[in-house]
C-alpha atoms as a PDB file:
ATOM      1  CA  MET A   1     -42.860 148.304 -23.251  1.00  0.00           C
ATOM      2  CA  ALA A   2     -39.174 148.562 -24.180  1.00  0.00           C
ATOM      3  CA  GLY A   3     -38.145 147.324 -27.611  1.00  0.00           C
ATOM      4  CA  PRO A   4     -35.411 144.781 -28.302  1.00  0.00           C
ATOM      5  CA  PRO A   5     -31.907 145.759 -27.209  1.00  0.00           C
ATOM      6  CA  ALA A   6     -29.756 147.593 -29.729  1.00  0.00           C
ATOM      7  CA  THR A   7     -26.978 145.415 -31.107  1.00  0.00           C
ATOM      8  CA  ILE A   8     -25.348 148.464 -32.742  1.00  0.00           C
ATOM      9  CA  GLU A   9     -25.471 151.842 -30.998  1.00  0.00           C
ATOM     10  CA  ILE A  10     -24.123 154.863 -32.863  1.00  0.00           C
ATOM     11  CA  LYS A  11     -24.060 158.029 -30.783  1.00  0.00           C
ATOM     12  CA  ASP A  12     -23.137 161.516 -32.010  1.00  0.00           C
ATOM     13  CA  VAL A  13     -20.631 160.126 -34.501  1.00  0.00           C
ATOM     14  CA  ALA A  14     -18.679 162.357 -36.849  1.00  0.00           C
ATOM     15  CA  LYS A  15     -15.872 161.685 -39.308  1.00  0.00           C
ATOM     16  CA  SER A  16     -13.589 164.310 -40.813  1.00  0.00           C
ATOM     17  CA  TYR A  17     -10.705 163.593 -43.164  1.00  0.00           C
ATOM     18  CA  ASP A  18      -9.227 167.111 -42.924  1.00  0.00           C
ATOM     19  CA  ARG A  19      -9.028 167.837 -39.202  1.00  0.00           C
ATOM     20  CA  GLY A  20     -12.502 169.268 -38.861  1.00  0.00           C
ATOM     21  CA  ARG A  21     -12.665 171.564 -41.864  1.00  0.00           C
ATOM     22  CA  SER A  22     -15.343 169.345 -43.437  1.00  0.00           C
ATOM     23  CA  PHE A  23     -17.174 166.194 -42.409  1.00  0.00           C
ATOM     24  CA  ALA A  24     -18.099 163.026 -44.296  1.00  0.00           C
ATOM     25  CA  VAL A  25     -20.616 162.261 -41.541  1.00  0.00           C
ATOM     26  CA  ARG A  26     -21.627 164.456 -38.609  1.00  0.00           C
ATOM     27  CA  ASN A  27     -23.855 164.187 -35.543  1.00  0.00           C
ATOM     28  CA  ILE A  28     -25.150 160.725 -36.476  1.00  0.00           C
ATOM     29  CA  SER A  29     -27.008 158.741 -33.837  1.00  0.00           C
ATOM     30  CA  LEU A  30     -28.707 155.449 -34.712  1.00  0.00           C
ATOM     31  CA  ASP A  31     -29.691 152.360 -32.723  1.00  0.00           C
ATOM     32  CA  ILE A  32     -29.994 149.102 -34.680  1.00  0.00           C
ATOM     33  CA  SER A  33     -31.848 146.274 -32.975  1.00  0.00           C
ATOM     34  CA  ALA A  34     -30.783 142.646 -32.966  1.00  0.00           C
ATOM     35  CA  GLY A  35     -32.356 140.895 -35.957  1.00  0.00           C
ATOM     36  CA  GLU A  36     -33.128 144.126 -37.793  1.00  0.00           C
ATOM     37  CA  PHE A  37     -32.538 144.635 -41.514  1.00  0.00           C
ATOM     38  CA  ILE A  38     -31.757 148.322 -41.974  1.00  0.00           C
ATOM     39  CA  VAL A  39     -30.905 149.910 -45.309  1.00  0.00           C
ATOM     40  CA  LEU A  40     -28.962 153.158 -45.743  1.00  0.00           C
ATOM     41  CA  VAL A  41     -29.930 155.203 -48.799  1.00  0.00           C
ATOM     42  CA  GLY A  42     -28.878 158.564 -50.152  1.00  0.00           C
ATOM     43  CA  THR A  43     -26.963 160.161 -52.992  1.00  0.00           C
ATOM     44  CA  SER A  44     -23.275 159.507 -53.662  1.00  0.00           C
ATOM     45  CA  GLY A  45     -21.180 161.340 -51.089  1.00  0.00           C
ATOM     46  CA  SER A  46     -23.916 161.394 -48.454  1.00  0.00           C
ATOM     47  CA  GLY A  47     -21.794 159.412 -45.977  1.00  0.00           C
ATOM     48  CA  LYS A  48     -23.242 155.905 -46.307  1.00  0.00           C
ATOM     49  CA  THR A  49     -20.002 153.987 -46.876  1.00  0.00           C
ATOM     50  CA  THR A  50     -18.146 156.061 -44.275  1.00  0.00           C
ATOM     51  CA  LEU A  51     -20.785 155.176 -41.685  1.00  0.00           C
ATOM     52  CA  LEU A  52     -20.592 151.474 -42.555  1.00  0.00           C
ATOM     53  CA  LYS A  53     -16.795 151.442 -42.240  1.00  0.00           C
ATOM     54  CA  LEU A  54     -16.967 153.206 -38.882  1.00  0.00           C
ATOM     55  CA  ILE A  55     -19.044 150.348 -37.475  1.00  0.00           C
ATOM     56  CA  ASN A  56     -16.302 147.753 -37.955  1.00  0.00           C
ATOM     57  CA  ARG A  57     -13.377 150.184 -37.522  1.00  0.00           C
ATOM     58  CA  LEU A  58     -12.138 150.234 -41.062  1.00  0.00           C
ATOM     59  CA  LEU A  59     -12.317 153.936 -40.208  1.00  0.00           C
ATOM     60  CA  GLU A  60     -12.033 155.610 -36.814  1.00  0.00           C
ATOM     61  CA  PRO A  61     -14.535 158.328 -35.835  1.00  0.00           C
ATOM     62  CA  SER A  62     -13.419 161.891 -35.230  1.00  0.00           C
ATOM     63  CA  ALA A  63     -16.068 162.204 -32.523  1.00  0.00           C
ATOM     64  CA  GLY A  64     -18.783 160.139 -30.876  1.00  0.00           C
ATOM     65  CA  SER A  65     -18.948 156.469 -29.971  1.00  0.00           C
ATOM     66  CA  ILE A  66     -20.082 153.154 -31.455  1.00  0.00           C
ATOM     67  CA  HIS A  67     -21.064 150.124 -29.392  1.00  0.00           C
ATOM     68  CA  VAL A  68     -21.463 146.684 -30.951  1.00  0.00           C
ATOM     69  CA  GLU A  69     -23.281 144.108 -28.825  1.00  0.00           C
ATOM     70  CA  GLY A  70     -22.831 146.320 -25.796  1.00  0.00           C
ATOM     71  CA  LYS A  71     -19.080 146.932 -26.163  1.00  0.00           C
ATOM     72  CA  ASP A  72     -17.404 150.170 -27.196  1.00  0.00           C
ATOM     73  CA  VAL A  73     -15.581 149.225 -30.390  1.00  0.00           C
ATOM     74  CA  ALA A  74     -12.799 151.714 -29.624  1.00  0.00           C
ATOM     75  CA  THR A  75     -11.719 149.733 -26.551  1.00  0.00           C
ATOM     76  CA  GLY A  76     -11.143 146.374 -28.245  1.00  0.00           C
ATOM     77  CA  ASP A  77      -9.010 144.914 -31.001  1.00  0.00           C
ATOM     78  CA  ALA A  78     -10.152 146.083 -34.437  1.00  0.00           C
ATOM     79  CA  VAL A  79      -9.100 142.858 -36.206  1.00  0.00           C
ATOM     80  CA  SER A  80     -11.051 140.701 -33.760  1.00  0.00           C
ATOM     81  CA  LEU A  81     -14.077 142.949 -34.234  1.00  0.00           C
ATOM     82  CA  ARG A  82     -13.927 142.566 -38.035  1.00  0.00           C
ATOM     83  CA  ARG A  83     -13.621 138.794 -37.806  1.00  0.00           C
ATOM     84  CA  ARG A  84     -16.976 138.578 -36.044  1.00  0.00           C
ATOM     85  CA  ILE A  85     -18.780 140.957 -38.416  1.00  0.00           C
ATOM     86  CA  GLY A  86     -19.503 139.818 -41.965  1.00  0.00           C
ATOM     87  CA  TYR A  87     -18.724 142.312 -44.728  1.00  0.00           C
ATOM     88  CA  VAL A  88     -19.977 142.175 -48.322  1.00  0.00           C
ATOM     89  CA  PHE A  89     -19.248 144.814 -50.946  1.00  0.00           C
ATOM     90  CA  GLN A  90     -19.943 145.380 -54.621  1.00  0.00           C
ATOM     91  CA  GLY A  91     -16.490 144.412 -55.908  1.00  0.00           C
ATOM     92  CA  VAL A  92     -16.703 141.103 -54.001  1.00  0.00           C
ATOM     93  CA  GLY A  93     -12.917 141.058 -53.452  1.00  0.00           C
ATOM     94  CA  LEU A  94     -12.416 137.313 -53.743  1.00  0.00           C
ATOM     95  CA  PHE A  95      -8.783 136.231 -53.753  1.00  0.00           C
ATOM     96  CA  PRO A  96      -8.116 135.208 -57.376  1.00  0.00           C
ATOM     97  CA  HIS A  97      -5.365 132.717 -56.487  1.00  0.00           C
ATOM     98  CA  LEU A  98      -7.592 130.809 -54.038  1.00  0.00           C
ATOM     99  CA  THR A  99     -10.371 128.382 -54.897  1.00  0.00           C
ATOM    100  CA  VAL A 100     -13.961 129.134 -53.935  1.00  0.00           C
ATOM    101  CA  ALA A 101     -13.659 126.790 -50.949  1.00  0.00           C
ATOM    102  CA  GLU A 102     -10.417 128.442 -49.847  1.00  0.00           C
ATOM    103  CA  ASN A 103     -11.966 131.905 -50.173  1.00  0.00           C
ATOM    104  CA  ILE A 104     -14.927 130.922 -48.015  1.00  0.00           C
ATOM    105  CA  SER A 105     -12.619 129.323 -45.428  1.00  0.00           C
ATOM    106  CA  VAL A 106     -10.330 132.322 -44.915  1.00  0.00           C
ATOM    107  CA  THR A 107     -11.866 133.688 -41.710  1.00  0.00           C
ATOM    108  CA  PRO A 108     -12.697 130.329 -40.060  1.00  0.00           C
ATOM    109  CA  LYS A 109      -9.064 129.254 -40.583  1.00  0.00           C
ATOM    110  CA  LEU A 110      -7.828 132.488 -39.017  1.00  0.00           C
ATOM    111  CA  LEU A 111     -10.071 131.715 -36.048  1.00  0.00           C
ATOM    112  CA  GLY A 112      -8.520 128.264 -35.662  1.00  0.00           C
ATOM    113  CA  VAL A 113     -11.292 126.101 -37.116  1.00  0.00           C
ATOM    114  CA  ASP A 114      -9.883 122.723 -38.199  1.00  0.00           C
ATOM    115  CA  LYS A 115      -9.755 121.521 -41.801  1.00  0.00           C
ATOM    116  CA  ALA A 116     -12.665 119.081 -41.573  1.00  0.00           C
ATOM    117  CA  ALA A 117     -14.962 121.646 -39.949  1.00  0.00           C
ATOM    118  CA  CYS A 118     -13.999 124.228 -42.591  1.00  0.00           C
ATOM    119  CA  ALA A 119     -14.831 121.785 -45.389  1.00  0.00           C
ATOM    120  CA  ALA A 120     -18.205 121.017 -43.820  1.00  0.00           C
ATOM    121  CA  ARG A 121     -18.931 124.723 -43.429  1.00  0.00           C
ATOM    122  CA  VAL A 122     -18.061 125.358 -47.092  1.00  0.00           C
ATOM    123  CA  ASP A 123     -20.530 122.691 -48.220  1.00  0.00           C
ATOM    124  CA  GLU A 124     -23.200 124.095 -45.891  1.00  0.00           C
ATOM    125  CA  LEU A 125     -22.743 127.615 -47.244  1.00  0.00           C
ATOM    126  CA  LEU A 126     -22.691 126.558 -50.885  1.00  0.00           C
ATOM    127  CA  ASP A 127     -26.023 124.860 -50.227  1.00  0.00           C
ATOM    128  CA  LEU A 128     -27.400 127.936 -48.457  1.00  0.00           C
ATOM    129  CA  MET A 129     -26.321 130.168 -51.343  1.00  0.00           C
ATOM    130  CA  ARG A 130     -27.850 127.782 -53.921  1.00  0.00           C
ATOM    131  CA  LEU A 131     -24.481 127.013 -55.488  1.00  0.00           C
ATOM    132  CA  PRO A 132     -23.367 123.534 -56.643  1.00  0.00           C
ATOM    133  CA  ARG A 133     -20.817 122.030 -54.259  1.00  0.00           C
ATOM    134  CA  GLU A 134     -18.466 121.259 -57.144  1.00  0.00           C
ATOM    135  CA  LEU A 135     -17.848 125.008 -57.502  1.00  0.00           C
ATOM    136  CA  GLY A 136     -15.741 124.777 -54.356  1.00  0.00           C
ATOM    137  CA  GLU A 137     -12.740 123.579 -56.362  1.00  0.00           C
ATOM    138  CA  ARG A 138     -12.971 126.282 -59.014  1.00  0.00           C
ATOM    139  CA  PHE A 139     -11.288 129.685 -59.081  1.00  0.00           C
ATOM    140  CA  PRO A 140     -13.244 132.978 -59.004  1.00  0.00           C
ATOM    141  CA  ALA A 141     -12.330 133.894 -62.599  1.00  0.00           C
ATOM    142  CA  THR A 142     -14.283 130.888 -63.878  1.00  0.00           C
ATOM    143  CA  LEU A 143     -17.544 131.982 -62.196  1.00  0.00           C
ATOM    144  CA  SER A 144     -20.304 134.267 -63.405  1.00  0.00           C
ATOM    145  CA  GLY A 145     -20.788 137.636 -61.712  1.00  0.00           C
ATOM    146  CA  GLY A 146     -23.792 136.361 -59.816  1.00  0.00           C
ATOM    147  CA  GLN A 147     -21.911 133.271 -58.642  1.00  0.00           C
ATOM    148  CA  ARG A 148     -18.987 135.386 -57.429  1.00  0.00           C
ATOM    149  CA  GLN A 149     -21.395 137.594 -55.502  1.00  0.00           C
ATOM    150  CA  ARG A 150     -22.975 134.531 -53.871  1.00  0.00           C
ATOM    151  CA  VAL A 151     -19.512 133.310 -52.899  1.00  0.00           C
ATOM    152  CA  GLY A 152     -18.827 136.760 -51.405  1.00  0.00           C
ATOM    153  CA  VAL A 153     -21.928 136.428 -49.220  1.00  0.00           C
ATOM    154  CA  ALA A 154     -20.924 132.874 -48.259  1.00  0.00           C
ATOM    155  CA  ARG A 155     -17.470 134.113 -47.226  1.00  0.00           C
ATOM    156  CA  ALA A 156     -19.045 136.859 -45.086  1.00  0.00           C
ATOM    157  CA  LEU A 157     -21.189 134.246 -43.313  1.00  0.00           C
ATOM    158  CA  ALA A 158     -18.454 131.634 -42.903  1.00  0.00           C
ATOM    159  CA  ALA A 159     -17.520 132.486 -39.308  1.00  0.00           C
ATOM    160  CA  ARG A 160     -21.184 132.586 -38.241  1.00  0.00           C
ATOM    161  CA  PRO A 161     -21.373 136.337 -37.572  1.00  0.00           C
ATOM    162  CA  ARG A 162     -24.458 137.803 -35.967  1.00  0.00           C
ATOM    163  CA  ILE A 163     -23.933 141.112 -37.818  1.00  0.00           C
ATOM    164  CA  VAL A 164     -23.451 141.592 -41.572  1.00  0.00           C
ATOM    165  CA  LEU A 165     -22.514 144.865 -43.280  1.00  0.00           C
ATOM    166  CA  MET A 166     -23.240 145.170 -47.008  1.00  0.00           C
ATOM    167  CA  ASP A 167     -22.058 147.978 -49.301  1.00  0.00           C
ATOM    168  CA  GLU A 168     -23.956 147.918 -52.616  1.00  0.00           C
ATOM    169  CA  PRO A 169     -23.650 144.119 -52.573  1.00  0.00           C
ATOM    170  CA  PHE A 170     -25.712 143.397 -55.686  1.00  0.00           C
ATOM    171  CA  GLY A 171     -25.005 146.470 -57.796  1.00  0.00           C
ATOM    172  CA  ALA A 172     -22.605 144.849 -60.269  1.00  0.00           C
ATOM    173  CA  VAL A 173     -24.934 142.162 -61.646  1.00  0.00           C
ATOM    174  CA  ASP A 174     -27.826 142.151 -64.091  1.00  0.00           C
ATOM    175  CA  PRO A 175     -31.348 142.995 -62.813  1.00  0.00           C
ATOM    176  CA  ILE A 176     -32.657 139.399 -62.795  1.00  0.00           C
ATOM    177  CA  THR A 177     -29.623 138.121 -60.909  1.00  0.00           C
ATOM    178  CA  ARG A 178     -29.798 141.096 -58.554  1.00  0.00           C
ATOM    179  CA  ASP A 179     -33.413 140.383 -57.688  1.00  0.00           C
ATOM    180  CA  ALA A 180     -32.653 136.707 -57.019  1.00  0.00           C
ATOM    181  CA  LEU A 181     -29.637 137.559 -54.871  1.00  0.00           C
ATOM    182  CA  SER A 182     -31.479 140.134 -52.803  1.00  0.00           C
ATOM    183  CA  CYS A 183     -34.436 137.805 -52.206  1.00  0.00           C
ATOM    184  CA  ASP A 184     -32.128 134.933 -51.237  1.00  0.00           C
ATOM    185  CA  TYR A 185     -30.158 137.121 -48.852  1.00  0.00           C
ATOM    186  CA  ARG A 186     -33.322 138.419 -47.170  1.00  0.00           C
ATOM    187  CA  ARG A 187     -34.360 134.767 -46.692  1.00  0.00           C
ATOM    188  CA  LEU A 188     -30.993 133.971 -45.090  1.00  0.00           C
ATOM    189  CA  HIS A 189     -31.178 137.078 -42.902  1.00  0.00           C
ATOM    190  CA  ASP A 190     -34.469 135.814 -41.474  1.00  0.00           C
ATOM    191  CA  GLU A 191     -33.477 132.145 -41.231  1.00  0.00           C
ATOM    192  CA  LEU A 192     -30.146 132.829 -39.519  1.00  0.00           C
ATOM    193  CA  GLY A 193     -31.397 135.633 -37.280  1.00  0.00           C
ATOM    194  CA  LEU A 194     -28.843 138.122 -38.591  1.00  0.00           C
ATOM    195  CA  THR A 195     -28.596 141.847 -38.029  1.00  0.00           C
ATOM    196  CA  THR A 196     -27.943 143.464 -41.415  1.00  0.00           C
ATOM    197  CA  VAL A 197     -26.894 146.990 -42.349  1.00  0.00           C
ATOM    198  CA  MET A 198     -26.976 147.440 -46.118  1.00  0.00           C
ATOM    199  CA  ILE A 199     -26.206 150.335 -48.460  1.00  0.00           C
ATOM    200  CA  THR A 200     -28.008 150.691 -51.774  1.00  0.00           C
ATOM    201  CA  HIS A 201     -28.619 153.449 -54.315  1.00  0.00           C
ATOM    202  CA  ASP A 202     -31.751 151.616 -55.455  1.00  0.00           C
ATOM    203  CA  VAL A 203     -34.696 153.011 -53.491  1.00  0.00           C
ATOM    204  CA  LEU A 204     -37.028 150.264 -54.706  1.00  0.00           C
ATOM    205  CA  GLU A 205     -34.579 147.622 -53.462  1.00  0.00           C
ATOM    206  CA  ALA A 206     -34.493 149.358 -50.084  1.00  0.00           C
ATOM    207  CA  VAL A 207     -38.288 149.492 -49.890  1.00  0.00           C
ATOM    208  CA  LEU A 208     -38.659 145.798 -50.727  1.00  0.00           C
ATOM    209  CA  LEU A 209     -35.895 144.489 -48.427  1.00  0.00           C
ATOM    210  CA  ALA A 210     -35.703 146.702 -45.353  1.00  0.00           C
ATOM    211  CA  ASP A 211     -37.375 146.559 -41.989  1.00  0.00           C
ATOM    212  CA  ARG A 212     -36.259 150.170 -41.617  1.00  0.00           C
ATOM    213  CA  ILE A 213     -34.658 152.720 -43.923  1.00  0.00           C
ATOM    214  CA  ALA A 214     -32.244 155.450 -42.838  1.00  0.00           C
ATOM    215  CA  VAL A 215     -31.911 158.283 -45.350  1.00  0.00           C
ATOM    216  CA  LEU A 216     -28.628 160.199 -45.409  1.00  0.00           C
ATOM    217  CA  ASN A 217     -28.061 163.596 -46.967  1.00  0.00           C
ATOM    218  CA  GLU A 218     -24.888 165.674 -46.737  1.00  0.00           C
ATOM    219  CA  GLY A 219     -23.420 163.495 -44.004  1.00  0.00           C
ATOM    220  CA  GLN A 220     -26.441 163.384 -41.740  1.00  0.00           C
ATOM    221  CA  ILE A 221     -29.387 161.059 -41.200  1.00  0.00           C
ATOM    222  CA  VAL A 222     -32.373 163.217 -42.107  1.00  0.00           C
ATOM    223  CA  GLU A 223     -35.082 160.630 -41.442  1.00  0.00           C
ATOM    224  CA  THR A 224     -35.602 156.986 -40.516  1.00  0.00           C
ATOM    225  CA  GLY A 225     -38.684 154.812 -40.693  1.00  0.00           C
ATOM    226  CA  SER A 226     -40.250 151.657 -42.027  1.00  0.00           C
ATOM    227  CA  PRO A 227     -40.756 151.505 -45.792  1.00  0.00           C
ATOM    228  CA  HIS A 228     -44.500 151.992 -45.219  1.00  0.00           C
ATOM    229  CA  ASP A 229     -43.988 155.034 -43.007  1.00  0.00           C
ATOM    230  CA  LEU A 230     -41.561 156.733 -45.405  1.00  0.00           C
ATOM    231  CA  LEU A 231     -43.650 155.958 -48.478  1.00  0.00           C
ATOM    232  CA  SER A 232     -46.868 157.209 -46.909  1.00  0.00           C
ATOM    233  CA  GLY A 233     -45.723 160.058 -44.681  1.00  0.00           C
ATOM    234  CA  ALA A 234     -42.097 161.146 -44.959  1.00  0.00           C
ATOM    235  CA  ARG A 235     -41.526 164.464 -43.216  1.00  0.00           C
ATOM    236  CA  HIS A 236     -38.312 165.696 -44.843  1.00  0.00           C
ATOM    237  CA  PRO A 237     -38.661 167.123 -48.393  1.00  0.00           C
ATOM    238  CA  TYR A 238     -35.612 165.201 -49.649  1.00  0.00           C
ATOM    239  CA  VAL A 239     -37.023 161.955 -48.284  1.00  0.00           C
ATOM    240  CA  ARG A 240     -40.419 162.629 -49.859  1.00  0.00           C
ATOM    241  CA  ASP A 241     -38.734 163.142 -53.236  1.00  0.00           C
ATOM    242  CA  LEU A 242     -36.683 159.977 -52.796  1.00  0.00           C
ATOM    243  CA  MET A 243     -39.664 157.860 -51.793  1.00  0.00           C
ATOM    244  CA  ALA A 244     -41.746 159.188 -54.697  1.00  0.00           C
ATOM    245  CA  MET A 245     -39.511 157.395 -57.191  1.00  0.00           C
ATOM    246  CA  PRO A 246     -40.688 153.800 -56.608  1.00  0.00           C
ATOM    247  CA  GLN A 247     -44.302 154.982 -56.578  1.00  0.00           C
ATOM    248  CA  ARG A 248     -43.835 156.730 -59.936  1.00  0.00           C
ATOM    249  CA  GLN A 249     -42.229 153.591 -61.343  1.00  0.00           C
ATOM    250  CA  ALA A 250     -45.128 151.463 -60.137  1.00  0.00           C
ATOM    251  CA  ASP A 251     -47.659 153.918 -61.567  1.00  0.00           C
ATOM    252  CA  ARG A 252     -45.982 153.829 -64.971  1.00  0.00           C
ATOM    253  CA  ILE A 253     -45.959 150.038 -65.004  1.00  0.00           C
ATOM    254  CA  HIS A 254     -49.653 149.897 -64.058  1.00  0.00           C
ATOM    255  CA  ALA A 255     -50.448 152.411 -66.796  1.00  0.00           C
ATOM    256  CA  LEU A 256     -48.617 150.323 -69.373  1.00  0.00           C
ATOM    257  CA  ILE A 257     -50.441 147.172 -68.311  1.00  0.00           C
ATOM    258  CA  LYS A 258     -53.790 148.958 -68.360  1.00  0.00           C
ATOM    259  CA  ALA A 259     -53.130 150.414 -71.831  1.00  0.00           C
ATOM    260  CA  GLY A 260     -52.617 146.945 -73.261  1.00  0.00           C
ATOM    261  CA  PRO A 261     -50.665 145.988 -76.421  1.00  0.00           C
ATOM    262  CA  GLY A 262     -49.818 148.626 -79.001  1.00  0.00           C
END
């Protein structure tokens, strides 16, 4: 039986910044199903952010093709494409001179949503992100790091996208806040029926959040699979080493608990 249709189809994609002398990504093919939560992992410089930016045409590929919801992204308007894909990144990028409500409303206003509908959407998203509605009138500088990150997610969801791209979205906050944010986003992903492509350097975070993990190394996807499959039977040596880290961490924690106090 055929699986669900791919909402993002990446076929033989490459990206070079120096006219083919070297490649940030090369020969990448990946189908991402509607409703899937896929996490890209790999060392710095492995091509993760380049691949993410190619999906919404912040970068143009040197070769290959990308289809989003059945349409070749190269044939349409890049700005329109970006307005229907949510994007969250580590630096958040909130506009400092706009209130929280105004930041969240940026894309809906560009799409012609009226003032009353924007205000209602802001309240809805503040509730979804577990933020007090009164924060809507405050400026980003007055918020904690975790609150700013939640506002960044709310802004990405404001225009009701079906696809969300996330580049190290929770990397700039403390571990407790990061865990809460990641759990809350996974809940929203499921509740809203989103398709999410996320980058993280944290292998444990990938294992706990993803439906499927794609491991990049030197600009190529070397292996994909569910967290269970990669933890229990990764084929590529680099992937086996990567997946051994969360298991070693868990083993050390269990050993500490078993040893008891002192």
